[in-house]
Amino acid sequence: MAILVNLDVMLAKRKMSVNELADRVGITPVNVSVLKNGRAKAIRFSTLDQICKALDCQPGDILSYDDDDMAQ
């Protein structure tokens, strides 16, 4: 998939754990890990909104598009 998830970078920048983010957003740590590892097939805008609020960032800080990834 050409959509890359950079959630691990933002977590490191904010010195926040997966468990802490999950608590703040109201989702399970497993779901945060699925998203962080790029295995999620979809994300609700409301969840993305809560993640951005918790990490004080923009959606583009978490998600990016890399067309070169499609060739692999």
N, C-alpha and C. Protein backbone atom coordinates (compact mmCIF):
# COMPACT_ATOMS: atom_id res chain seq x y z
N MET A 1 0.84 -1.18 0.00
CA MET A 1 0.00 0.00 0.00
C MET A 1 0.88 1.24 0.00
N ALA A 2 0.45 2.25 -0.68
CA ALA A 2 1.24 3.47 -0.82
C ALA A 2 1.06 4.44 0.35
N ILE A 3 0.12 4.16 1.24
CA ILE A 3 -0.07 5.00 2.43
C ILE A 3 0.85 4.49 3.53
N LEU A 4 1.72 5.37 4.00
CA LEU A 4 2.66 5.01 5.05
C LEU A 4 2.21 5.62 6.37
N VAL A 5 2.34 4.87 7.44
CA VAL A 5 1.95 5.34 8.77
C VAL A 5 3.22 5.62 9.56
N ASN A 6 3.37 6.85 10.00
CA ASN A 6 4.56 7.27 10.75
C ASN A 6 4.23 7.52 12.21
N LEU A 7 3.31 6.75 12.74
CA LEU A 7 2.86 6.94 14.11
C LEU A 7 3.99 6.69 15.11
N ASP A 8 4.86 5.74 14.81
CA ASP A 8 5.97 5.46 15.72
C ASP A 8 6.90 6.66 15.87
N VAL A 9 7.07 7.42 14.79
CA VAL A 9 7.91 8.62 14.84
C VAL A 9 7.29 9.66 15.77
N MET A 10 5.98 9.88 15.63
CA MET A 10 5.31 10.87 16.47
C MET A 10 5.28 10.42 17.93
N LEU A 11 5.09 9.14 18.17
CA LEU A 11 5.12 8.64 19.54
C LEU A 11 6.49 8.89 20.17
N ALA A 12 7.54 8.64 19.42
CA ALA A 12 8.90 8.86 19.93
C ALA A 12 9.14 10.34 20.18
N LYS A 13 8.71 11.20 19.27
CA LYS A 13 8.89 12.65 19.44
C LYS A 13 8.18 13.16 20.68
N ARG A 14 7.03 12.58 20.97
CA ARG A 14 6.23 13.03 22.12
C ARG A 14 6.56 12.23 23.39
N LYS A 15 7.50 11.27 23.25
CA LYS A 15 7.87 10.40 24.37
C LYS A 15 6.62 9.77 25.01
N MET A 16 5.79 9.21 24.13
CA MET A 16 4.53 8.62 24.56
C MET A 16 4.51 7.15 24.18
N SER A 17 3.98 6.32 25.04
CA SER A 17 3.89 4.88 24.77
C SER A 17 2.59 4.57 24.01
N VAL A 18 2.56 3.39 23.44
CA VAL A 18 1.36 2.91 22.76
C VAL A 18 0.20 2.86 23.74
N ASN A 19 0.47 2.38 24.96
CA ASN A 19 -0.58 2.28 25.98
C ASN A 19 -1.13 3.65 26.36
N GLU A 20 -0.25 4.63 26.51
CA GLU A 20 -0.69 5.98 26.87
C GLU A 20 -1.55 6.58 25.76
N LEU A 21 -1.12 6.42 24.50
CA LEU A 21 -1.91 6.93 23.39
C LEU A 21 -3.26 6.24 23.34
N ALA A 22 -3.27 4.93 23.51
CA ALA A 22 -4.53 4.18 23.49
C ALA A 22 -5.49 4.70 24.56
N ASP A 23 -4.98 4.96 25.77
CA ASP A 23 -5.81 5.50 26.84
C ASP A 23 -6.37 6.87 26.48
N ARG A 24 -5.54 7.72 25.92
CA ARG A 24 -5.97 9.08 25.58
C ARG A 24 -7.00 9.09 24.46
N VAL A 25 -6.85 8.15 23.50
CA VAL A 25 -7.72 8.13 22.33
C VAL A 25 -8.99 7.31 22.58
N GLY A 26 -8.90 6.35 23.50
CA GLY A 26 -10.05 5.51 23.78
C GLY A 26 -10.15 4.30 22.89
N ILE A 27 -9.00 3.79 22.45
CA ILE A 27 -8.96 2.55 21.67
C ILE A 27 -8.00 1.59 22.37
N THR A 28 -7.97 0.36 21.93
CA THR A 28 -7.12 -0.63 22.58
C THR A 28 -5.66 -0.45 22.14
N PRO A 29 -4.72 -0.83 22.98
CA PRO A 29 -3.31 -0.80 22.58
C PRO A 29 -3.05 -1.68 21.34
N VAL A 30 -3.79 -2.76 21.22
CA VAL A 30 -3.64 -3.63 20.04
C VAL A 30 -4.00 -2.87 18.77
N ASN A 31 -5.08 -2.08 18.82
CA ASN A 31 -5.47 -1.30 17.64
C ASN A 31 -4.44 -0.22 17.31
N VAL A 32 -3.85 0.39 18.34
CA VAL A 32 -2.79 1.37 18.08
C VAL A 32 -1.61 0.67 17.42
N SER A 33 -1.25 -0.51 17.90
CA SER A 33 -0.13 -1.26 17.32
C SER A 33 -0.40 -1.66 15.88
N VAL A 34 -1.63 -2.07 15.60
CA VAL A 34 -2.01 -2.43 14.22
C VAL A 34 -1.83 -1.23 13.31
N LEU A 35 -2.27 -0.08 13.76
CA LEU A 35 -2.11 1.15 12.98
C LEU A 35 -0.63 1.52 12.85
N LYS A 36 0.08 1.48 13.96
CA LYS A 36 1.50 1.86 13.99
C LYS A 36 2.34 0.99 13.05
N ASN A 37 2.00 -0.27 12.96
CA ASN A 37 2.77 -1.20 12.14
C ASN A 37 2.29 -1.26 10.69
N GLY A 38 1.35 -0.40 10.34
CA GLY A 38 0.90 -0.34 8.95
C GLY A 38 0.01 -1.48 8.52
N ARG A 39 -0.59 -2.19 9.47
CA ARG A 39 -1.45 -3.33 9.13
C ARG A 39 -2.93 -2.98 9.09
N ALA A 40 -3.27 -1.74 9.44
CA ALA A 40 -4.68 -1.32 9.43
C ALA A 40 -5.14 -1.12 8.00
N LYS A 41 -6.37 -1.52 7.73
CA LYS A 41 -6.97 -1.34 6.40
C LYS A 41 -7.73 -0.03 6.31
N ALA A 42 -8.08 0.53 7.46
CA ALA A 42 -8.86 1.78 7.48
C ALA A 42 -8.69 2.43 8.85
N ILE A 43 -9.02 3.72 8.90
CA ILE A 43 -9.06 4.45 10.16
C ILE A 43 -10.21 5.45 10.09
N ARG A 44 -10.96 5.54 11.16
CA ARG A 44 -12.05 6.51 11.21
C ARG A 44 -11.46 7.90 11.37
N PHE A 45 -12.12 8.87 10.75
CA PHE A 45 -11.69 10.26 10.92
C PHE A 45 -11.75 10.67 12.39
N SER A 46 -12.74 10.18 13.10
CA SER A 46 -12.86 10.53 14.52
C SER A 46 -11.66 9.99 15.32
N THR A 47 -11.17 8.80 14.96
CA THR A 47 -9.99 8.24 15.62
C THR A 47 -8.76 9.03 15.24
N LEU A 48 -8.62 9.36 13.98
CA LEU A 48 -7.49 10.17 13.52
C LEU A 48 -7.51 11.53 14.22
N ASP A 49 -8.68 12.11 14.38
CA ASP A 49 -8.83 13.38 15.07
C ASP A 49 -8.33 13.27 16.52
N GLN A 50 -8.73 12.21 17.20
CA GLN A 50 -8.31 12.02 18.59
C GLN A 50 -6.80 11.77 18.70
N ILE A 51 -6.24 11.02 17.76
CA ILE A 51 -4.80 10.78 17.74
C ILE A 51 -4.06 12.09 17.56
N CYS A 52 -4.53 12.91 16.62
CA CYS A 52 -3.88 14.20 16.38
C CYS A 52 -3.97 15.11 17.60
N LYS A 53 -5.09 15.09 18.28
CA LYS A 53 -5.23 15.88 19.50
C LYS A 53 -4.27 15.39 20.58
N ALA A 54 -4.20 14.07 20.76
CA ALA A 54 -3.34 13.50 21.80
C ALA A 54 -1.87 13.76 21.53
N LEU A 55 -1.49 13.75 20.25
CA LEU A 55 -0.08 13.93 19.88
C LEU A 55 0.24 15.38 19.50
N ASP A 56 -0.77 16.24 19.50
CA ASP A 56 -0.61 17.64 19.10
C ASP A 56 0.11 17.73 17.74
N CYS A 57 -0.53 17.11 16.74
CA CYS A 57 0.06 17.07 15.40
C CYS A 57 -1.02 17.15 14.34
N GLN A 58 -0.60 17.17 13.10
CA GLN A 58 -1.49 17.18 11.95
C GLN A 58 -1.56 15.77 11.36
N PRO A 59 -2.65 15.44 10.64
CA PRO A 59 -2.73 14.12 10.01
C PRO A 59 -1.53 13.81 9.12
N GLY A 60 -1.00 14.83 8.45
CA GLY A 60 0.17 14.64 7.58
C GLY A 60 1.44 14.29 8.34
N ASP A 61 1.45 14.53 9.65
CA ASP A 61 2.59 14.12 10.47
C ASP A 61 2.57 12.62 10.72
N ILE A 62 1.39 12.03 10.60
CA ILE A 62 1.21 10.60 10.88
C ILE A 62 1.13 9.78 9.60
N LEU A 63 0.45 10.32 8.60
CA LEU A 63 0.22 9.60 7.35
C LEU A 63 0.94 10.27 6.19
N SER A 64 1.50 9.47 5.31
CA SER A 64 2.12 10.00 4.10
C SER A 64 1.84 9.05 2.95
N TYR A 65 2.04 9.55 1.74
CA TYR A 65 1.79 8.78 0.52
C TYR A 65 3.10 8.63 -0.24
N ASP A 66 3.44 7.39 -0.58
CA ASP A 66 4.67 7.12 -1.32
C ASP A 66 4.33 6.20 -2.48
N ASP A 67 4.19 6.78 -3.67
CA ASP A 67 3.83 6.01 -4.87
C ASP A 67 4.87 4.96 -5.19
N ASP A 68 6.13 5.18 -4.81
CA ASP A 68 7.19 4.19 -5.05
C ASP A 68 6.91 2.89 -4.33
N ASP A 69 6.17 2.93 -3.22
CA ASP A 69 5.83 1.74 -2.47
C ASP A 69 4.93 0.80 -3.26
N MET A 70 4.18 1.32 -4.22
CA MET A 70 3.27 0.51 -5.03
C MET A 70 4.02 -0.48 -5.91
N ALA A 71 5.23 -0.16 -6.31
CA ALA A 71 6.00 -1.02 -7.20
C ALA A 71 6.53 -2.25 -6.48
N GLN A 72 6.56 -2.22 -5.17
CA GLN A 72 7.14 -3.33 -4.41
C GLN A 72 6.15 -4.43 -4.17
